[in-house]
Protein backbone atom coordinates (compact mmCIF):
# COMPACT_ATOMS: atom_id res chain seq x y z
CA MET A 1 178.53 209.06 136.72
CA SER A 2 178.72 212.82 136.78
CA ALA A 3 175.75 215.17 136.38
CA ALA A 4 177.10 216.28 133.00
CA SER A 5 177.21 212.67 131.77
CA VAL A 6 173.65 212.04 132.98
CA GLY A 7 172.47 215.21 131.25
CA GLN A 8 174.21 214.24 128.02
CA PHE A 9 172.74 210.70 128.16
CA PHE A 10 169.23 212.13 128.68
CA THR A 11 169.64 214.62 125.83
CA THR A 12 171.14 212.06 123.44
CA TYR A 13 168.95 208.99 124.08
CA VAL A 14 166.02 209.54 126.48
CA SER A 15 164.72 212.86 125.15
CA PRO A 16 164.44 211.77 121.46
CA ALA A 17 162.75 208.52 122.47
CA LEU A 18 160.20 210.37 124.63
CA ASP A 19 159.66 212.85 121.83
CA VAL A 20 158.83 210.12 119.31
CA LEU A 21 156.67 208.12 121.74
CA LEU A 22 154.64 211.16 122.80
CA LEU A 23 154.09 212.24 119.22
CA ALA A 24 153.03 208.71 118.23
CA PHE A 25 150.61 208.57 121.17
CA LEU A 26 149.03 211.93 120.27
CA VAL A 27 148.68 210.96 116.61
CA TYR A 28 147.09 207.64 117.58
CA LYS A 29 144.60 209.29 119.96
CA ALA A 30 143.75 211.95 117.38
CA TYR A 31 143.08 209.20 114.83
CA GLU A 32 140.87 207.37 117.37
CA VAL A 33 138.72 210.48 117.71
CA LEU A 34 138.65 211.23 113.99
CA VAL A 35 137.63 207.71 113.03
CA ARG A 36 134.54 208.04 115.25
CA THR A 37 133.44 211.16 113.36
CA GLN A 38 132.91 212.16 109.74
CA ALA A 39 136.24 214.05 109.86
CA ILE A 40 138.11 210.87 108.91
CA SER A 41 137.01 211.44 105.31
CA LEU A 42 138.59 214.87 105.54
CA VAL A 43 141.90 213.39 106.70
CA LYS A 44 141.93 210.90 103.83
CA GLY A 45 141.28 213.70 101.34
CA ALA A 46 144.07 215.83 102.83
CA ILE A 47 146.51 212.91 102.56
CA ILE A 48 145.61 212.42 98.89
CA LEU A 49 146.12 216.13 98.16
CA ALA A 50 149.45 216.10 99.99
CA ALA A 51 150.55 213.09 97.94
CA PHE A 52 149.63 214.89 94.70
CA TYR A 53 151.52 217.99 95.84
CA ALA A 54 154.61 215.96 96.71
CA MET A 55 154.48 214.14 93.37
CA ALA A 56 154.10 217.44 91.49
CA SER A 57 157.06 218.92 93.36
CA VAL A 58 159.30 215.93 92.65
CA LEU A 59 158.36 215.84 88.96
CA LYS A 60 158.57 219.65 88.76
CA LEU A 61 155.02 220.03 87.46
CA THR A 62 154.91 223.78 87.93
CA THR A 63 151.30 224.28 86.85
CA VAL A 64 149.90 221.62 89.18
CA THR A 65 152.08 222.88 92.04
CA TRP A 66 150.89 226.46 91.48
CA VAL A 67 147.21 225.42 91.38
CA LEU A 68 147.51 223.39 94.60
CA SER A 69 149.36 226.24 96.31
CA VAL A 70 146.58 228.67 95.33
CA ILE A 71 143.66 226.52 96.49
CA ALA A 72 145.31 225.29 99.72
CA PRO A 73 144.38 228.38 101.86
CA GLY A 74 140.78 228.20 100.63
CA LEU A 75 140.62 224.51 101.47
CA VAL A 76 141.76 225.18 105.03
CA ILE A 77 138.99 227.77 105.51
CA ALA A 78 136.39 225.49 103.89
CA ILE A 79 137.46 222.61 106.13
CA ALA A 80 137.09 224.76 109.25
CA ILE A 81 133.56 225.76 108.19
CA VAL A 82 132.24 222.43 106.95
CA PHE A 83 133.68 220.35 109.80
CA GLN A 84 133.13 222.90 112.57
CA PRO A 85 130.83 220.56 114.57
CA GLU A 86 133.39 217.74 114.36
CA LEU A 87 136.30 219.99 115.32
CA ARG A 88 134.32 221.35 118.27
CA LYS A 89 133.59 217.81 119.41
CA ILE A 90 137.30 216.95 119.29
CA PHE A 91 138.29 219.99 121.35
CA MET A 92 135.47 219.35 123.84
CA ARG A 93 136.71 215.80 124.35
CA LEU A 94 140.23 217.14 124.78
CA GLY A 95 139.05 219.64 127.41
CA GLN A 96 137.06 216.99 129.26
CA GLY A 97 140.01 214.60 129.24
CA SER A 98 138.00 211.98 127.34
CA LEU A 99 140.47 212.07 124.46
CA PHE A 100 142.77 209.82 126.47
CA ARG A 101 140.09 207.35 127.52
CA GLY A 102 138.96 204.47 125.38
CA ALA A 103 135.43 204.37 124.04
CA ALA A 104 133.02 202.67 126.41
CA ARG A 105 131.51 199.42 125.22
CA PRO A 106 128.30 197.77 126.38
CA ARG A 107 128.81 195.69 129.50
CA VAL A 108 127.89 192.02 129.70
CA THR A 109 124.81 192.85 131.78
CA GLN A 110 123.66 195.30 129.11
CA ILE A 111 124.09 192.69 126.38
CA GLU A 112 121.99 190.33 128.47
CA ALA A 113 119.35 193.06 128.72
CA VAL A 114 119.35 193.32 124.91
CA LEU A 115 119.07 189.54 124.57
CA ASN A 116 116.18 189.39 127.04
CA ALA A 117 114.37 192.09 125.11
CA ALA A 118 115.11 190.38 121.78
CA GLU A 119 113.71 187.10 123.12
CA ALA A 120 110.53 188.80 124.31
CA LEU A 121 110.08 190.69 121.04
CA SER A 122 110.72 187.52 119.04
CA SER A 123 108.01 185.61 120.91
CA GLN A 124 105.57 188.49 120.28
CA ARG A 125 106.55 188.75 116.57
CA ARG A 126 107.60 192.37 117.08
CA GLY A 127 110.33 193.54 114.73
CA ALA A 128 113.44 195.27 116.11
CA LEU A 129 116.66 196.76 114.78
CA ILE A 130 119.47 197.36 117.30
CA VAL A 131 122.81 198.79 116.17
CA PHE A 132 126.02 198.50 118.21
CA ALA A 133 128.52 201.15 117.11
CA ARG A 134 132.18 200.15 117.23
CA ASN A 135 135.07 202.24 115.88
CA VAL A 136 133.38 204.15 113.08
CA GLY A 137 131.15 206.93 114.39
CA LEU A 138 127.45 206.92 113.48
CA LYS A 139 126.65 210.59 114.02
CA ASN A 140 124.98 210.92 110.62
CA ILE A 141 122.74 207.94 111.45
CA ILE A 142 121.96 209.19 114.96
CA ASP A 143 120.94 212.58 113.56
CA THR A 144 118.16 210.91 111.54
CA GLY A 145 116.39 209.70 114.69
CA THR A 146 115.44 210.95 118.14
CA ARG A 147 118.24 211.31 120.68
CA ILE A 148 117.46 209.65 124.00
CA ASP A 149 120.90 209.14 125.64
CA ALA A 150 119.52 206.63 128.14
CA LEU A 151 120.77 203.64 130.09
CA LEU A 152 120.44 200.44 128.08
CA SER A 153 117.79 198.14 129.55
CA SER A 154 115.40 195.46 128.37
CA SER A 155 112.37 197.48 129.48
CA LEU A 156 113.48 200.45 127.37
CA ILE A 157 114.01 198.27 124.29
CA VAL A 158 110.65 196.51 124.70
CA THR A 159 108.95 199.87 125.18
CA ILE A 160 110.45 201.20 121.94
CA PHE A 161 109.79 198.14 119.77
CA GLY A 162 107.04 196.31 121.62
CA HIS A 163 104.38 198.95 121.07
CA ASP A 164 103.29 201.10 118.15
CA THR A 165 105.36 204.08 119.21
CA PRO A 166 106.70 206.64 116.71
CA LEU A 167 110.17 205.12 117.21
CA HIS A 168 109.46 201.41 116.63
CA ASP A 169 109.97 201.44 112.84
CA GLY A 170 113.54 202.79 113.00
CA ALA A 171 116.77 201.52 114.54
CA LEU A 172 118.02 201.86 118.10
CA ILE A 173 121.66 202.99 118.16
CA VAL A 174 123.84 201.80 121.05
CA GLN A 175 127.01 203.89 121.34
CA ASP A 176 129.50 204.23 124.20
CA GLY A 177 127.48 201.72 126.20
CA ARG A 178 124.27 203.79 126.11
CA ALA A 179 121.11 203.97 124.04
CA ALA A 180 122.06 207.02 121.98
CA ALA A 181 119.04 207.42 119.70
CA ALA A 182 115.96 205.59 118.44
CA GLY A 183 113.87 205.76 115.30
CA CYS A 184 117.01 206.10 113.17
CA PHE A 185 117.04 205.43 109.43
CA LEU A 186 119.67 203.08 108.00
CA PRO A 187 120.89 202.88 104.40
CA LEU A 188 119.49 199.95 102.44
CA SER A 189 121.82 197.35 100.97
CA GLU A 190 122.35 197.39 97.21
CA GLN A 191 123.36 193.73 97.03
CA GLN A 192 121.42 191.93 94.30
CA ASP A 193 121.57 188.39 95.72
CA ILE A 194 119.63 189.05 98.93
CA ARG A 195 116.78 186.64 99.66
CA LYS A 196 113.45 187.92 98.36
CA SER A 197 111.92 187.02 101.70
CA PHE A 198 114.07 189.53 103.56
CA GLY A 199 112.24 192.70 104.47
CA THR A 200 113.36 196.28 104.92
CA ARG A 201 114.89 195.64 108.36
CA HIS A 202 117.28 192.99 107.08
CA ARG A 203 118.21 195.09 104.05
CA ALA A 204 118.83 198.11 106.28
CA ALA A 205 120.96 196.08 108.70
CA LEU A 206 123.04 194.71 105.84
CA GLY A 207 123.29 198.17 104.27
CA LEU A 208 124.77 199.72 107.41
CA SER A 209 127.22 196.83 107.81
CA GLU A 210 128.46 197.63 104.29
CA GLU A 211 129.21 201.26 105.19
CA ALA A 212 130.47 200.99 108.78
CA ASP A 213 131.93 198.45 111.20
CA ALA A 214 128.77 198.41 113.32
CA VAL A 215 127.09 195.19 114.49
CA VAL A 216 123.33 195.06 113.90
CA LEU A 217 120.88 192.75 115.68
CA VAL A 218 117.62 192.13 113.80
CA VAL A 219 114.37 190.62 115.08
CA SER A 220 112.09 189.62 112.22
CA GLU A 221 108.50 190.80 112.54
CA GLU A 222 107.20 188.05 110.24
CA THR A 223 108.94 185.01 111.75
CA GLY A 224 110.54 186.23 114.98
CA ALA A 225 113.92 184.99 113.72
CA LEU A 226 117.08 186.56 115.16
CA SER A 227 119.83 187.72 112.81
CA ILE A 228 123.13 189.61 113.00
CA ALA A 229 124.60 191.77 110.26
CA CYS A 230 128.29 192.72 110.29
CA GLU A 231 131.09 193.20 107.78
CA SER A 232 128.68 193.12 104.82
CA LYS A 233 127.32 189.71 105.85
CA LEU A 234 123.97 188.67 107.29
CA TYR A 235 123.75 185.69 109.67
CA TYR A 236 120.08 184.69 109.61
CA GLY A 237 118.04 182.45 111.89
CA LEU A 238 120.43 182.33 114.86
CA SER A 239 119.49 180.87 118.21
CA LEU A 240 119.63 183.07 121.28
CA GLU A 241 122.84 181.35 122.39
CA GLN A 242 124.44 181.88 118.99
CA VAL A 243 123.55 185.57 119.14
CA ARG A 244 125.05 185.77 122.63
CA ARG A 245 128.31 184.18 121.53
CA ARG A 246 128.60 186.20 118.34
CA LEU A 247 127.95 189.52 120.10
CA GLY A 248 130.53 188.59 122.72
CA ASP A 249 133.06 187.96 119.98
CA LEU A 250 132.29 190.99 117.82
CA LEU A 251 132.10 193.43 120.73
CA GLU A 252 135.39 192.06 122.08
CA PHE A 253 134.48 191.00 125.60
CA PRO A 254 137.54 189.71 127.48
CA GLU A 255 137.86 186.04 128.25
CA GLY A 256 136.22 185.07 131.50
CA SER A 257 133.26 187.44 131.12
CA GLU A 258 130.13 185.89 132.55
CA THR A 259 127.82 184.27 129.96
CA VAL A 260 129.53 186.06 127.07
CA GLY A 261 132.79 185.36 125.33
CA GLU A 262 132.43 181.70 124.41
CA GLU A 263 133.66 180.48 121.04
CA ALA A 264 131.65 182.06 118.22
CA PRO A 265 129.70 179.74 115.91
CA SER A 266 130.71 179.30 112.30
CA ALA A 267 129.16 181.48 109.61
CA GLU A 268 125.77 180.38 108.40
């Protein structure tokens, strides 16, 4: 095969395929970053506006098209101002090369550290609220507490919740495999059929699970019972082994991980 034929084959078949694959990869990675920040709401709003503009153009709605054309430049400037912290975070991740790395998840040993702390707190009737962030970013929740950015360990968790520290009444946020912040405030659930016996911790755990895809571990201060809130549901009164299995399933540990990753129990 001649050099000209190879060049033509590359231009005709290989180059377009690489073009599409690279663009798809960049769009996917950009979405991964956006979904971990508040900027995802911005993207959804922009898509809705673009859909309205396209509909107005097709139906020849001149007034609507003119109004959208006038406000579009102002929206771009407003977006740059309002979401400046989020945009800066995206470009910082791009410069550090972290845009192309997956988000770190807690390791099995760290989950065991959480379980050990939860067991100790449960026996002492000390309440605790531990949030595991997944895909949806929790920056607005983290900003309500005190940033600690520390290694996740049972001693740290017991220190926060086991004593009357200023941080023990709020939630501990675990993000990217680290203890990101403590003393954080969570939104309360508005569900009307919650048990009357559930306190503020359980309502807060359920409330966050209604707004984000986070997994929340709750230790009851009154009874010492362990519970998990996720996907707008609260699983109350779990054993330590049930908590271990459910966390392994929800945090997507691969099969074969030590002590975690067994079949999750059925919903309570």
